[in-house]
Structure formats: C-alpha cells, structure tokens
Amino acid sequence: MTAAGLITYTAVAAVLTVTPGADTMLVIRNVIARGQRAGVVTTLGICSGLFVHALLSALGLSFILARSAEAFTVGKLAGAVYLAWLGAQSLRRAARRAPPEATLPRAGDARASDPARSWREGFLTNVLNPKVAVFYLAFLPQFVGPRDPLLPTFLALAAIHATLGLVWLSLLSSLLERARGWFERPAVRRALEGVSGAVLVGLGARLALARR
C-alpha cells in the first residue's frame, strides 16, 4: 500500500468514524445508562467487530453476503432486530419514572460493573450490520497492492479504522461524562434515553429496509 493510499484510507475512515450512526448512538445510550466506563467498553466491542469484518472480507465470506440476496436479508434483519431491541430497552427506561434521588452509575456501582454486557452490545451491533461487511468488501481491496498479503493488510486497515473509532468514541464518552451533572436530572435523563432509544429503533428500521 502506498503512502498516498494510506493517507486517503485514513481520511475516509476518519469521516466514517465521526459520522453518527448505530455505533455512536449505542455508545451515547450506554454512557447515559451506565456511565463512562460502559461507553469505553462498548467502543472496544465495536472495534473488535471491525476486525471480524476484515477477516470475513479477506476470507471471501463477505462476498457471499454481498452477492446473495437471501444472506444479505437474513443478516440485515438480524441486525435490525437487535438495534430495535436495544432501542426498546432505552424507551422502556425513559417511560419509567425514576425517583428524584436517582443518579447515573459511578465507578464501582453494580450497575456499571458489567463490562461483558457493554462489550457484547458493541460487538453485536457492529458485527450484525451487513452494510459494514459489504462496505469492507468493496472498500478495503482498493488499498491492497498486488504484492501485499491480503489478510495482514486487511487486518492492518481494520486496525487503523478501529484506532480512529476508539479515539473518537472514547472522547465522546469522556465529554458525556463531564456533563454528568446535567444528565443526572431525571427529566433530562429520561428525555435522552427516549431520544437515543427512538434513534436506535429508527436505525433498525432503516437497516431492515436497506438494499444492497
């Protein structure tokens, strides 16, 4: 891969990273619900999913997803249902009236002590999105030279994308944590839960209606 190709890829990946989507909304949702640590761990799950997409693309499995209408439909419906389920959870919390003393979870709080759950949500949200798989299959090969080893190069490109995502979404989690005092107002927190839940449900519906 040439230096110019690397710069181009990094720039495009950076734009994609900061463009709001399901991953971003999930991080916002989890920071609001469980605190900054949950947001960072969710980000790690999302970044792990990128390596899975790179691996599948290098092995040619994403080609099947891109070429088979049935496989693409199954994949997108699985992702859509999962996003809608996460959104419904947020909407349920938004509808539930919290006591006045309720606060966001802090370090050591039982509500914030389940990193496996946050990682799993991030990982599944990313891996179950067939549009990411198709994008990797179409986009990454453009930056692989004729003499470059396919799998290592794909994984290296995914590592760049994952690093950008880790920096951006961790920064977002930190900024949201700084606004903790505002989020701890019950009315504000319920409103944000409702908005993030509605957006996730909407993204799920959009994914369900997506075409290859």
N, C-alpha and C. Protein backbone atom coordinates (compact mmCIF):
# COMPACT_ATOMS: atom_id res chain seq x y z
N MET A 1 0.85 -1.19 0.00
CA MET A 1 0.00 0.00 0.00
C MET A 1 0.89 1.24 0.00
N THR A 2 0.59 2.19 -0.86
CA THR A 2 1.38 3.40 -0.97
C THR A 2 1.04 4.37 0.15
N ALA A 3 1.94 5.35 0.37
CA ALA A 3 1.70 6.36 1.39
C ALA A 3 0.45 7.18 1.06
N ALA A 4 0.28 7.49 -0.22
CA ALA A 4 -0.91 8.25 -0.64
C ALA A 4 -2.18 7.45 -0.37
N GLY A 5 -2.11 6.15 -0.65
CA GLY A 5 -3.27 5.30 -0.38
C GLY A 5 -3.59 5.23 1.10
N LEU A 6 -2.55 5.16 1.92
CA LEU A 6 -2.75 5.11 3.37
C LEU A 6 -3.39 6.38 3.88
N ILE A 7 -2.92 7.52 3.37
CA ILE A 7 -3.50 8.81 3.79
C ILE A 7 -4.96 8.90 3.36
N THR A 8 -5.23 8.49 2.14
CA THR A 8 -6.61 8.53 1.64
C THR A 8 -7.52 7.63 2.47
N TYR A 9 -7.06 6.42 2.73
CA TYR A 9 -7.86 5.48 3.52
C TYR A 9 -8.13 6.05 4.91
N THR A 10 -7.09 6.59 5.55
CA THR A 10 -7.25 7.12 6.90
C THR A 10 -8.24 8.28 6.92
N ALA A 11 -8.17 9.14 5.90
CA ALA A 11 -9.09 10.28 5.84
C ALA A 11 -10.53 9.81 5.67
N VAL A 12 -10.75 8.86 4.77
CA VAL A 12 -12.11 8.35 4.55
C VAL A 12 -12.62 7.63 5.80
N ALA A 13 -11.76 6.83 6.42
CA ALA A 13 -12.15 6.11 7.64
C ALA A 13 -12.48 7.09 8.77
N ALA A 14 -11.74 8.21 8.83
CA ALA A 14 -12.00 9.21 9.87
C ALA A 14 -13.37 9.84 9.68
N VAL A 15 -13.70 10.16 8.43
CA VAL A 15 -15.02 10.74 8.15
C VAL A 15 -16.13 9.76 8.52
N LEU A 16 -15.95 8.51 8.16
CA LEU A 16 -16.95 7.49 8.51
C LEU A 16 -17.07 7.33 10.02
N THR A 17 -15.96 7.45 10.72
CA THR A 17 -15.96 7.25 12.17
C THR A 17 -16.77 8.32 12.88
N VAL A 18 -16.62 9.58 12.46
CA VAL A 18 -17.30 10.67 13.16
C VAL A 18 -18.73 10.88 12.65
N THR A 19 -19.11 10.19 11.57
CA THR A 19 -20.49 10.30 11.08
C THR A 19 -21.42 9.52 12.01
N PRO A 20 -22.42 10.18 12.60
CA PRO A 20 -23.30 9.49 13.56
C PRO A 20 -24.01 8.30 12.93
N GLY A 21 -24.07 7.21 13.66
CA GLY A 21 -24.75 6.01 13.21
C GLY A 21 -25.10 5.14 14.40
N ALA A 22 -25.35 3.88 14.14
CA ALA A 22 -25.76 2.97 15.21
C ALA A 22 -24.70 2.84 16.30
N ASP A 23 -23.42 2.77 15.90
CA ASP A 23 -22.35 2.63 16.89
C ASP A 23 -22.31 3.83 17.82
N THR A 24 -22.39 5.03 17.23
CA THR A 24 -22.34 6.25 18.03
C THR A 24 -23.53 6.32 18.98
N MET A 25 -24.71 6.03 18.48
CA MET A 25 -25.89 6.10 19.33
C MET A 25 -25.84 5.07 20.45
N LEU A 26 -25.27 3.91 20.17
CA LEU A 26 -25.16 2.89 21.22
C LEU A 26 -24.23 3.35 22.32
N VAL A 27 -23.11 3.98 21.96
CA VAL A 27 -22.18 4.49 22.97
C VAL A 27 -22.86 5.57 23.81
N ILE A 28 -23.56 6.49 23.16
CA ILE A 28 -24.28 7.54 23.90
C ILE A 28 -25.29 6.91 24.85
N ARG A 29 -26.04 5.95 24.34
CA ARG A 29 -27.05 5.26 25.16
C ARG A 29 -26.42 4.62 26.39
N ASN A 30 -25.29 3.94 26.21
CA ASN A 30 -24.69 3.21 27.32
C ASN A 30 -24.01 4.13 28.32
N VAL A 31 -23.46 5.24 27.85
CA VAL A 31 -22.89 6.21 28.80
C VAL A 31 -24.00 6.81 29.66
N ILE A 32 -25.12 7.14 29.03
CA ILE A 32 -26.24 7.70 29.78
C ILE A 32 -26.77 6.69 30.79
N ALA A 33 -26.87 5.44 30.37
CA ALA A 33 -27.47 4.42 31.23
C ALA A 33 -26.50 3.89 32.28
N ARG A 34 -25.19 3.75 31.93
CA ARG A 34 -24.27 3.04 32.82
C ARG A 34 -22.95 3.75 33.07
N GLY A 35 -22.75 4.93 32.51
CA GLY A 35 -21.54 5.67 32.81
C GLY A 35 -20.44 5.55 31.76
N GLN A 36 -19.36 6.33 31.98
CA GLN A 36 -18.28 6.43 31.01
C GLN A 36 -17.61 5.09 30.74
N ARG A 37 -17.37 4.31 31.78
CA ARG A 37 -16.70 3.02 31.59
C ARG A 37 -17.47 2.15 30.61
N ALA A 38 -18.79 2.14 30.73
CA ALA A 38 -19.60 1.35 29.81
C ALA A 38 -19.44 1.84 28.38
N GLY A 39 -19.32 3.16 28.21
CA GLY A 39 -19.13 3.71 26.88
C GLY A 39 -17.82 3.27 26.26
N VAL A 40 -16.75 3.27 27.06
CA VAL A 40 -15.44 2.87 26.55
C VAL A 40 -15.43 1.38 26.22
N VAL A 41 -16.01 0.56 27.09
CA VAL A 41 -16.03 -0.89 26.84
C VAL A 41 -16.91 -1.21 25.63
N THR A 42 -18.00 -0.48 25.47
CA THR A 42 -18.84 -0.64 24.28
C THR A 42 -18.03 -0.33 23.02
N THR A 43 -17.21 0.71 23.10
CA THR A 43 -16.34 1.07 21.99
C THR A 43 -15.37 -0.05 21.65
N LEU A 44 -14.81 -0.70 22.67
CA LEU A 44 -13.90 -1.82 22.44
C LEU A 44 -14.62 -2.96 21.71
N GLY A 45 -15.89 -3.19 22.07
CA GLY A 45 -16.67 -4.21 21.38
C GLY A 45 -16.89 -3.85 19.92
N ILE A 46 -17.19 -2.58 19.66
CA ILE A 46 -17.39 -2.11 18.29
C ILE A 46 -16.11 -2.30 17.48
N CYS A 47 -14.98 -1.92 18.06
CA CYS A 47 -13.69 -2.05 17.36
C CYS A 47 -13.36 -3.51 17.10
N SER A 48 -13.71 -4.38 18.02
CA SER A 48 -13.48 -5.82 17.80
C SER A 48 -14.28 -6.31 16.60
N GLY A 49 -15.48 -5.78 16.45
CA GLY A 49 -16.32 -6.16 15.32
C GLY A 49 -15.70 -5.80 13.98
N LEU A 50 -14.94 -4.70 13.93
CA LEU A 50 -14.29 -4.30 12.68
C LEU A 50 -13.28 -5.34 12.22
N PHE A 51 -12.57 -5.94 13.17
CA PHE A 51 -11.60 -6.97 12.81
C PHE A 51 -12.31 -8.22 12.25
N VAL A 52 -13.49 -8.50 12.79
CA VAL A 52 -14.26 -9.64 12.27
C VAL A 52 -14.65 -9.37 10.81
N HIS A 53 -15.11 -8.15 10.53
CA HIS A 53 -15.48 -7.81 9.16
C HIS A 53 -14.27 -7.89 8.23
N ALA A 54 -13.12 -7.44 8.70
CA ALA A 54 -11.90 -7.51 7.88
C ALA A 54 -11.53 -8.96 7.60
N LEU A 55 -11.64 -9.79 8.62
CA LEU A 55 -11.31 -11.21 8.46
C LEU A 55 -12.26 -11.88 7.47
N LEU A 56 -13.55 -11.62 7.63
CA LEU A 56 -14.54 -12.23 6.73
C LEU A 56 -14.35 -11.75 5.29
N SER A 57 -14.01 -10.48 5.14
CA SER A 57 -13.78 -9.95 3.79
C SER A 57 -12.57 -10.61 3.15
N ALA A 58 -11.50 -10.76 3.93
CA ALA A 58 -10.28 -11.38 3.40
C ALA A 58 -10.52 -12.84 3.03
N LEU A 59 -11.38 -13.51 3.79
CA LEU A 59 -11.67 -14.92 3.51
C LEU A 59 -12.71 -15.10 2.41
N GLY A 60 -13.31 -13.99 1.99
CA GLY A 60 -14.29 -14.06 0.91
C GLY A 60 -15.71 -14.33 1.37
N LEU A 61 -15.92 -14.45 2.69
CA LEU A 61 -17.27 -14.75 3.17
C LEU A 61 -18.21 -13.57 2.97
N SER A 62 -17.66 -12.36 3.07
CA SER A 62 -18.50 -11.19 2.84
C SER A 62 -18.96 -11.11 1.39
N PHE A 63 -18.21 -11.76 0.49
CA PHE A 63 -18.62 -11.79 -0.92
C PHE A 63 -19.95 -12.51 -1.06
N ILE A 64 -20.10 -13.57 -0.28
CA ILE A 64 -21.36 -14.32 -0.30
C ILE A 64 -22.49 -13.42 0.17
N LEU A 65 -22.22 -12.66 1.23
CA LEU A 65 -23.22 -11.75 1.78
C LEU A 65 -23.60 -10.69 0.76
N ALA A 66 -22.60 -10.20 0.03
CA ALA A 66 -22.85 -9.14 -0.94
C ALA A 66 -23.59 -9.65 -2.17
N ARG A 67 -23.35 -10.91 -2.55
CA ARG A 67 -23.92 -11.45 -3.78
C ARG A 67 -25.23 -12.20 -3.57
N SER A 68 -25.46 -12.68 -2.36
CA SER A 68 -26.66 -13.46 -2.09
C SER A 68 -27.73 -12.58 -1.45
N ALA A 69 -28.84 -12.43 -2.13
CA ALA A 69 -29.94 -11.63 -1.58
C ALA A 69 -30.46 -12.24 -0.29
N GLU A 70 -30.53 -13.57 -0.25
CA GLU A 70 -31.05 -14.24 0.94
C GLU A 70 -30.14 -14.02 2.14
N ALA A 71 -28.82 -14.18 1.93
CA ALA A 71 -27.87 -14.00 3.03
C ALA A 71 -27.88 -12.56 3.52
N PHE A 72 -27.95 -11.61 2.58
CA PHE A 72 -27.98 -10.21 2.98
C PHE A 72 -29.24 -9.89 3.77
N THR A 73 -30.37 -10.43 3.33
CA THR A 73 -31.64 -10.19 4.02
C THR A 73 -31.62 -10.74 5.44
N VAL A 74 -31.12 -11.97 5.59
CA VAL A 74 -31.03 -12.57 6.92
C VAL A 74 -30.13 -11.73 7.82
N GLY A 75 -28.99 -11.32 7.29
CA GLY A 75 -28.05 -10.53 8.08
C GLY A 75 -28.63 -9.19 8.50
N LYS A 76 -29.26 -8.50 7.56
CA LYS A 76 -29.77 -7.18 7.88
C LYS A 76 -30.95 -7.27 8.85
N LEU A 77 -31.78 -8.31 8.73
CA LEU A 77 -32.90 -8.45 9.66
C LEU A 77 -32.42 -8.77 11.07
N ALA A 78 -31.37 -9.59 11.17
CA ALA A 78 -30.81 -9.88 12.49
C ALA A 78 -30.27 -8.61 13.12
N GLY A 79 -29.56 -7.81 12.35
CA GLY A 79 -29.04 -6.55 12.87
C GLY A 79 -30.14 -5.57 13.21
N ALA A 80 -31.17 -5.51 12.37
CA ALA A 80 -32.29 -4.60 12.61
C ALA A 80 -33.04 -4.95 13.89
N VAL A 81 -33.29 -6.24 14.08
CA VAL A 81 -33.99 -6.69 15.29
C VAL A 81 -33.17 -6.36 16.54
N TYR A 82 -31.86 -6.55 16.46
CA TYR A 82 -31.02 -6.28 17.62
C TYR A 82 -31.01 -4.79 17.95
N LEU A 83 -30.88 -3.94 16.94
CA LEU A 83 -30.91 -2.49 17.18
C LEU A 83 -32.26 -2.07 17.77
N ALA A 84 -33.34 -2.61 17.22
CA ALA A 84 -34.67 -2.28 17.72
C ALA A 84 -34.84 -2.73 19.16
N TRP A 85 -34.29 -3.88 19.50
CA TRP A 85 -34.37 -4.39 20.88
C TRP A 85 -33.61 -3.48 21.84
N LEU A 86 -32.41 -3.03 21.44
CA LEU A 86 -31.66 -2.10 22.28
C LEU A 86 -32.41 -0.79 22.44
N GLY A 87 -32.99 -0.30 21.34
CA GLY A 87 -33.76 0.93 21.41
C GLY A 87 -34.98 0.80 22.29
N ALA A 88 -35.65 -0.35 22.23
CA ALA A 88 -36.83 -0.58 23.06
C ALA A 88 -36.46 -0.57 24.54
N GLN A 89 -35.29 -1.09 24.88
CA GLN A 89 -34.85 -1.05 26.27
C GLN A 89 -34.71 0.38 26.76
N SER A 90 -34.12 1.24 25.92
CA SER A 90 -33.97 2.65 26.29
C SER A 90 -35.33 3.33 26.41
N LEU A 91 -36.23 3.04 25.51
CA LEU A 91 -37.56 3.63 25.57
C LEU A 91 -38.30 3.19 26.82
N ARG A 92 -38.10 1.93 27.23
CA ARG A 92 -38.74 1.45 28.45
C ARG A 92 -38.20 2.19 29.67
N ARG A 93 -36.88 2.42 29.69
CA ARG A 93 -36.30 3.16 30.81
C ARG A 93 -36.78 4.61 30.80
N ALA A 94 -36.95 5.18 29.60
CA ALA A 94 -37.42 6.55 29.51
C ALA A 94 -38.84 6.69 30.03
N ALA A 95 -39.65 5.66 29.83
CA ALA A 95 -41.05 5.70 30.27
C ALA A 95 -41.18 5.44 31.76
N ARG A 96 -40.15 4.85 32.36
CA ARG A 96 -40.20 4.53 33.78
C ARG A 96 -39.81 5.77 34.58
N ARG A 97 -40.66 6.19 35.50
CA ARG A 97 -40.38 7.37 36.30
C ARG A 97 -39.39 7.00 37.40
N ALA A 98 -38.20 7.61 37.37
CA ALA A 98 -37.17 7.33 38.38
C ALA A 98 -37.40 8.19 39.61
N PRO A 99 -37.00 7.74 40.79
CA PRO A 99 -37.10 8.55 41.99
C PRO A 99 -36.21 9.78 41.88
N PRO A 100 -36.52 10.87 42.56
CA PRO A 100 -35.77 12.11 42.44
C PRO A 100 -34.29 11.94 42.75
N GLU A 101 -33.92 11.01 43.63
CA GLU A 101 -32.52 10.87 44.03
C GLU A 101 -31.73 9.99 43.09
N ALA A 102 -32.37 9.46 42.03
CA ALA A 102 -31.67 8.56 41.11
C ALA A 102 -30.53 9.30 40.42
N THR A 103 -29.38 8.65 40.27
CA THR A 103 -28.22 9.23 39.62
C THR A 103 -27.64 8.24 38.64
N LEU A 104 -26.76 8.74 37.81
CA LEU A 104 -26.05 7.86 36.90
C LEU A 104 -25.10 6.98 37.68
N PRO A 105 -24.83 5.77 37.22
CA PRO A 105 -23.92 4.88 37.91
C PRO A 105 -22.51 5.43 37.92
N ARG A 106 -21.79 5.21 39.03
CA ARG A 106 -20.41 5.63 39.17
C ARG A 106 -19.52 4.42 39.26
N ALA A 107 -18.22 4.67 39.23
CA ALA A 107 -17.26 3.57 39.30
C ALA A 107 -17.54 2.73 40.54
N GLY A 108 -17.61 1.43 40.37
CA GLY A 108 -17.86 0.54 41.50
C GLY A 108 -19.33 0.24 41.71
N ASP A 109 -20.20 1.06 41.12
CA ASP A 109 -21.64 0.82 41.21
C ASP A 109 -21.96 -0.48 40.50
N ALA A 110 -22.88 -1.27 41.08
CA ALA A 110 -23.23 -2.56 40.47
C ALA A 110 -23.78 -2.38 39.07
N ARG A 111 -24.43 -1.25 38.83
CA ARG A 111 -25.00 -1.01 37.51
C ARG A 111 -23.92 -0.78 36.45
N ALA A 112 -22.71 -0.39 36.90
CA ALA A 112 -21.64 -0.11 35.95
C ALA A 112 -20.58 -1.20 35.93
N SER A 113 -20.84 -2.32 36.60
CA SER A 113 -19.81 -3.34 36.80
C SER A 113 -19.99 -4.55 35.90
N ASP A 114 -20.65 -4.38 34.77
CA ASP A 114 -20.86 -5.50 33.85
C ASP A 114 -20.24 -5.16 32.50
N PRO A 115 -18.90 -5.14 32.42
CA PRO A 115 -18.26 -4.78 31.15
C PRO A 115 -18.57 -5.77 30.04
N ALA A 116 -18.80 -7.04 30.39
CA ALA A 116 -19.10 -8.04 29.36
C ALA A 116 -20.36 -7.66 28.59
N ARG A 117 -21.35 -7.15 29.30
CA ARG A 117 -22.60 -6.76 28.64
C ARG A 117 -22.36 -5.60 27.67
N SER A 118 -21.59 -4.60 28.11
CA SER A 118 -21.31 -3.45 27.25
C SER A 118 -20.50 -3.86 26.03
N TRP A 119 -19.49 -4.71 26.24
CA TRP A 119 -18.67 -5.17 25.12
C TRP A 119 -19.52 -5.97 24.13
N ARG A 120 -20.37 -6.83 24.65
CA ARG A 120 -21.21 -7.68 23.80
C ARG A 120 -22.15 -6.82 22.95
N GLU A 121 -22.74 -5.80 23.56
CA GLU A 121 -23.66 -4.94 22.81
C GLU A 121 -22.93 -4.23 21.67
N GLY A 122 -21.73 -3.70 21.96
CA GLY A 122 -20.97 -3.04 20.92
C GLY A 122 -20.56 -3.99 19.81
N PHE A 123 -20.09 -5.17 20.20
CA PHE A 123 -19.63 -6.16 19.23
C PHE A 123 -20.77 -6.61 18.32
N LEU A 124 -21.90 -6.97 18.91
CA LEU A 124 -23.02 -7.48 18.11
C LEU A 124 -23.62 -6.40 17.22
N THR A 125 -23.71 -5.17 17.73
CA THR A 125 -24.25 -4.09 16.91
C THR A 125 -23.43 -3.90 15.65
N ASN A 126 -22.12 -4.02 15.77
CA ASN A 126 -21.25 -3.84 14.61
C ASN A 126 -21.24 -5.07 13.71
N VAL A 127 -21.07 -6.25 14.30
CA VAL A 127 -20.95 -7.47 13.50
C VAL A 127 -22.24 -7.80 12.77
N LEU A 128 -23.39 -7.50 13.38
CA LEU A 128 -24.68 -7.85 12.76
C LEU A 128 -25.15 -6.83 11.73
N ASN A 129 -24.30 -5.88 11.41
CA ASN A 129 -24.66 -4.89 10.39
C ASN A 129 -24.05 -5.31 9.05
N PRO A 130 -24.83 -5.89 8.15
CA PRO A 130 -24.28 -6.38 6.89
C PRO A 130 -23.77 -5.27 5.99
N LYS A 131 -24.23 -4.04 6.22
CA LYS A 131 -23.76 -2.93 5.41
C LYS A 131 -22.29 -2.65 5.69
N VAL A 132 -21.85 -2.90 6.93
CA VAL A 132 -20.43 -2.75 7.25
C VAL A 132 -19.63 -3.82 6.51
N ALA A 133 -20.15 -5.04 6.50
CA ALA A 133 -19.45 -6.14 5.81
C ALA A 133 -19.32 -5.84 4.32
N VAL A 134 -20.39 -5.39 3.70
CA VAL A 134 -20.35 -5.08 2.27
C VAL A 134 -19.42 -3.91 2.00
N PHE A 135 -19.43 -2.92 2.89
CA PHE A 135 -18.54 -1.77 2.74
C PHE A 135 -17.08 -2.20 2.79
N TYR A 136 -16.74 -3.04 3.76
CA TYR A 136 -15.36 -3.51 3.87
C TYR A 136 -14.95 -4.29 2.62
N LEU A 137 -15.86 -5.11 2.14
CA LEU A 137 -15.55 -5.92 0.96
C LEU A 137 -15.29 -5.03 -0.26
N ALA A 138 -16.04 -3.95 -0.39
CA ALA A 138 -15.90 -3.08 -1.55
C ALA A 138 -14.78 -2.06 -1.39
N PHE A 139 -14.51 -1.66 -0.16
CA PHE A 139 -13.62 -0.53 0.10
C PHE A 139 -12.17 -0.95 0.33
N LEU A 140 -11.95 -1.94 1.18
CA LEU A 140 -10.59 -2.31 1.56
C LEU A 140 -9.72 -2.78 0.40
N PRO A 141 -10.25 -3.59 -0.54
CA PRO A 141 -9.38 -4.07 -1.63
C PRO A 141 -8.74 -2.96 -2.45
N GLN A 142 -9.34 -1.76 -2.45
CA GLN A 142 -8.78 -0.66 -3.22
C GLN A 142 -7.43 -0.22 -2.69
N PHE A 143 -7.13 -0.58 -1.45
CA PHE A 143 -5.89 -0.13 -0.82
C PHE A 143 -4.90 -1.27 -0.61
N VAL A 144 -5.13 -2.38 -1.27
CA VAL A 144 -4.23 -3.52 -1.19
C VAL A 144 -3.44 -3.62 -2.49
N GLY A 145 -2.12 -3.53 -2.37
CA GLY A 145 -1.27 -3.62 -3.55
C GLY A 145 -1.21 -5.04 -4.07
N PRO A 146 -0.77 -5.22 -5.33
CA PRO A 146 -0.73 -6.56 -5.93
C PRO A 146 0.21 -7.51 -5.20
N ARG A 147 1.20 -6.98 -4.49
CA ARG A 147 2.14 -7.84 -3.78
C ARG A 147 1.90 -7.86 -2.27
N ASP A 148 0.88 -7.14 -1.83
CA ASP A 148 0.57 -7.11 -0.39
C ASP A 148 -0.14 -8.39 0.02
N PRO A 149 0.23 -8.98 1.16
CA PRO A 149 -0.52 -10.14 1.67
C PRO A 149 -1.93 -9.70 2.07
N LEU A 150 -2.92 -10.41 1.59
CA LEU A 150 -4.31 -9.96 1.73
C LEU A 150 -4.77 -9.85 3.18
N LEU A 151 -4.70 -10.95 3.93
CA LEU A 151 -5.24 -10.95 5.29
C LEU A 151 -4.51 -9.96 6.20
N PRO A 152 -3.16 -9.96 6.26
CA PRO A 152 -2.48 -8.98 7.11
C PRO A 152 -2.81 -7.54 6.74
N THR A 153 -2.94 -7.27 5.44
CA THR A 153 -3.24 -5.90 5.02
C THR A 153 -4.66 -5.50 5.43
N PHE A 154 -5.62 -6.40 5.25
CA PHE A 154 -6.99 -6.13 5.67
C PHE A 154 -7.04 -5.86 7.18
N LEU A 155 -6.35 -6.69 7.95
CA LEU A 155 -6.35 -6.51 9.40
C LEU A 155 -5.66 -5.20 9.80
N ALA A 156 -4.61 -4.82 9.07
CA ALA A 156 -3.93 -3.56 9.36
C ALA A 156 -4.86 -2.38 9.07
N LEU A 157 -5.60 -2.45 7.97
CA LEU A 157 -6.56 -1.40 7.65
C LEU A 157 -7.67 -1.34 8.69
N ALA A 158 -8.13 -2.50 9.14
CA ALA A 158 -9.14 -2.53 10.20
C ALA A 158 -8.58 -1.93 11.49
N ALA A 159 -7.28 -2.16 11.76
CA ALA A 159 -6.66 -1.61 12.96
C ALA A 159 -6.65 -0.08 12.92
N ILE A 160 -6.41 0.49 11.74
CA ILE A 160 -6.46 1.95 11.60
C ILE A 160 -7.87 2.45 11.88
N HIS A 161 -8.84 1.80 11.27
CA HIS A 161 -10.25 2.17 11.48
C HIS A 161 -10.63 2.03 12.95
N ALA A 162 -10.21 0.94 13.57
CA ALA A 162 -10.54 0.69 14.98
C ALA A 162 -9.87 1.73 15.89
N THR A 163 -8.64 2.11 15.57
CA THR A 163 -7.95 3.12 16.38
C THR A 163 -8.68 4.46 16.31
N LEU A 164 -9.09 4.84 15.11
CA LEU A 164 -9.85 6.07 14.96
C LEU A 164 -11.16 6.01 15.75
N GLY A 165 -11.83 4.86 15.67
CA GLY A 165 -13.08 4.69 16.41
C GLY A 165 -12.86 4.73 17.90
N LEU A 166 -11.79 4.10 18.37
CA LEU A 166 -11.50 4.08 19.80
C LEU A 166 -11.24 5.49 20.32
N VAL A 167 -10.46 6.26 19.57
CA VAL A 167 -10.15 7.63 20.00
C VAL A 167 -11.41 8.49 20.00
N TRP A 168 -12.18 8.44 18.92
CA TRP A 168 -13.36 9.29 18.79
C TRP A 168 -14.44 8.94 19.81
N LEU A 169 -14.79 7.67 19.90
CA LEU A 169 -15.88 7.28 20.79
C LEU A 169 -15.48 7.36 22.25
N SER A 170 -14.20 7.16 22.56
CA SER A 170 -13.74 7.34 23.94
C SER A 170 -13.78 8.81 24.32
N LEU A 171 -13.42 9.68 23.37
CA LEU A 171 -13.52 11.12 23.60
C LEU A 171 -14.97 11.52 23.82
N LEU A 172 -15.86 10.96 23.02
CA LEU A 172 -17.29 11.24 23.18
C LEU A 172 -17.77 10.79 24.55
N SER A 173 -17.34 9.61 24.99
CA SER A 173 -17.72 9.11 26.32
C SER A 173 -17.23 10.04 27.41
N SER A 174 -16.00 10.55 27.25
CA SER A 174 -15.44 11.47 28.25
C SER A 174 -16.22 12.78 28.30
N LEU A 175 -16.58 13.30 27.13
CA LEU A 175 -17.35 14.54 27.09
C LEU A 175 -18.72 14.36 27.73
N LEU A 176 -19.34 13.22 27.46
CA LEU A 176 -20.64 12.95 28.08
C LEU A 176 -20.51 12.82 29.59
N GLU A 177 -19.41 12.23 30.05
CA GLU A 177 -19.18 12.08 31.48
C GLU A 177 -19.03 13.45 32.15
N ARG A 178 -18.40 14.40 31.45
CA ARG A 178 -18.24 15.74 32.00
C ARG A 178 -19.58 16.45 32.18
N ALA A 179 -20.56 16.01 31.42
CA ALA A 179 -21.90 16.60 31.53
C ALA A 179 -22.77 15.81 32.49
N ARG A 180 -22.14 15.02 33.36
CA ARG A 180 -22.88 14.14 34.28
C ARG A 180 -23.92 14.90 35.08
N GLY A 181 -23.55 16.07 35.58
CA GLY A 181 -24.48 16.83 36.42
C GLY A 181 -25.78 17.14 35.69
N TRP A 182 -25.67 17.41 34.40
CA TRP A 182 -26.86 17.69 33.61
C TRP A 182 -27.66 16.41 33.37
N PHE A 183 -26.95 15.31 33.07
CA PHE A 183 -27.62 14.04 32.81
C PHE A 183 -28.33 13.50 34.04
N GLU A 184 -27.84 13.88 35.24
CA GLU A 184 -28.42 13.32 36.46
C GLU A 184 -29.79 13.91 36.78
N ARG A 185 -30.19 14.95 36.07
CA ARG A 185 -31.55 15.45 36.25
C ARG A 185 -32.50 14.42 35.65
N PRO A 186 -33.42 13.90 36.45
CA PRO A 186 -34.29 12.81 35.97
C PRO A 186 -35.00 13.12 34.66
N ALA A 187 -35.52 14.33 34.52
CA ALA A 187 -36.25 14.67 33.30
C ALA A 187 -35.33 14.66 32.08
N VAL A 188 -34.12 15.20 32.27
CA VAL A 188 -33.16 15.24 31.16
C VAL A 188 -32.74 13.83 30.79
N ARG A 189 -32.47 13.02 31.81
CA ARG A 189 -32.02 11.65 31.54
C ARG A 189 -33.10 10.85 30.81
N ARG A 190 -34.35 11.00 31.24
CA ARG A 190 -35.43 10.27 30.57
C ARG A 190 -35.58 10.74 29.12
N ALA A 191 -35.43 12.05 28.91
CA ALA A 191 -35.55 12.58 27.55
C ALA A 191 -34.45 12.03 26.65
N LEU A 192 -33.22 11.99 27.17
CA LEU A 192 -32.10 11.48 26.38
C LEU A 192 -32.24 9.98 26.12
N GLU A 193 -32.72 9.25 27.13
CA GLU A 193 -32.98 7.82 26.93
C GLU A 193 -34.02 7.64 25.82
N GLY A 194 -35.06 8.48 25.86
CA GLY A 194 -36.10 8.37 24.85
C GLY A 194 -35.59 8.68 23.46
N VAL A 195 -34.77 9.74 23.35
CA VAL A 195 -34.23 10.12 22.04
C VAL A 195 -33.30 9.03 21.51
N SER A 196 -32.37 8.56 22.36
CA SER A 196 -31.43 7.53 21.90
C SER A 196 -32.16 6.24 21.55
N GLY A 197 -33.19 5.90 22.33
CA GLY A 197 -33.98 4.71 22.03
C GLY A 197 -34.71 4.83 20.71
N ALA A 198 -35.33 6.00 20.49
CA ALA A 198 -36.06 6.21 19.24
C ALA A 198 -35.12 6.17 18.03
N VAL A 199 -33.93 6.75 18.19
CA VAL A 199 -32.96 6.75 17.09
C VAL A 199 -32.50 5.33 16.78
N LEU A 200 -32.23 4.53 17.82
CA LEU A 200 -31.81 3.15 17.59
C LEU A 200 -32.91 2.34 16.90
N VAL A 201 -34.15 2.53 17.33
CA VAL A 201 -35.27 1.84 16.66
C VAL A 201 -35.36 2.29 15.21
N GLY A 202 -35.20 3.61 14.99
CA GLY A 202 -35.24 4.13 13.62
C GLY A 202 -34.11 3.58 12.75
N LEU A 203 -32.91 3.47 13.35
CA LEU A 203 -31.79 2.89 12.60
C LEU A 203 -32.03 1.42 12.29
N GLY A 204 -32.69 0.73 13.23
CA GLY A 204 -33.04 -0.66 12.98
C GLY A 204 -34.02 -0.78 11.82
N ALA A 205 -35.02 0.11 11.80
CA ALA A 205 -35.99 0.09 10.70
C ALA A 205 -35.32 0.44 9.37
N ARG A 206 -34.40 1.40 9.43
CA ARG A 206 -33.69 1.78 8.20
C ARG A 206 -32.85 0.62 7.68
N LEU A 207 -32.20 -0.09 8.60
CA LEU A 207 -31.40 -1.24 8.19
C LEU A 207 -32.28 -2.34 7.59
N ALA A 208 -33.45 -2.54 8.21
CA ALA A 208 -34.36 -3.58 7.71
C ALA A 208 -34.82 -3.28 6.29
N LEU A 209 -34.92 -2.00 5.95
CA LEU A 209 -35.40 -1.60 4.62
C LEU A 209 -34.26 -1.38 3.63
N ALA A 210 -33.02 -1.53 4.11
CA ALA A 210 -31.87 -1.24 3.25
C ALA A 210 -31.75 -2.24 2.12
N ARG A 211 -31.21 -1.77 1.03
CA ARG A 211 -30.91 -2.64 -0.11
C ARG A 211 -29.40 -2.71 -0.28
N ARG A 212 -28.97 -3.75 -0.93
CA ARG A 212 -27.53 -3.91 -1.13
C ARG A 212 -26.96 -2.81 -1.99
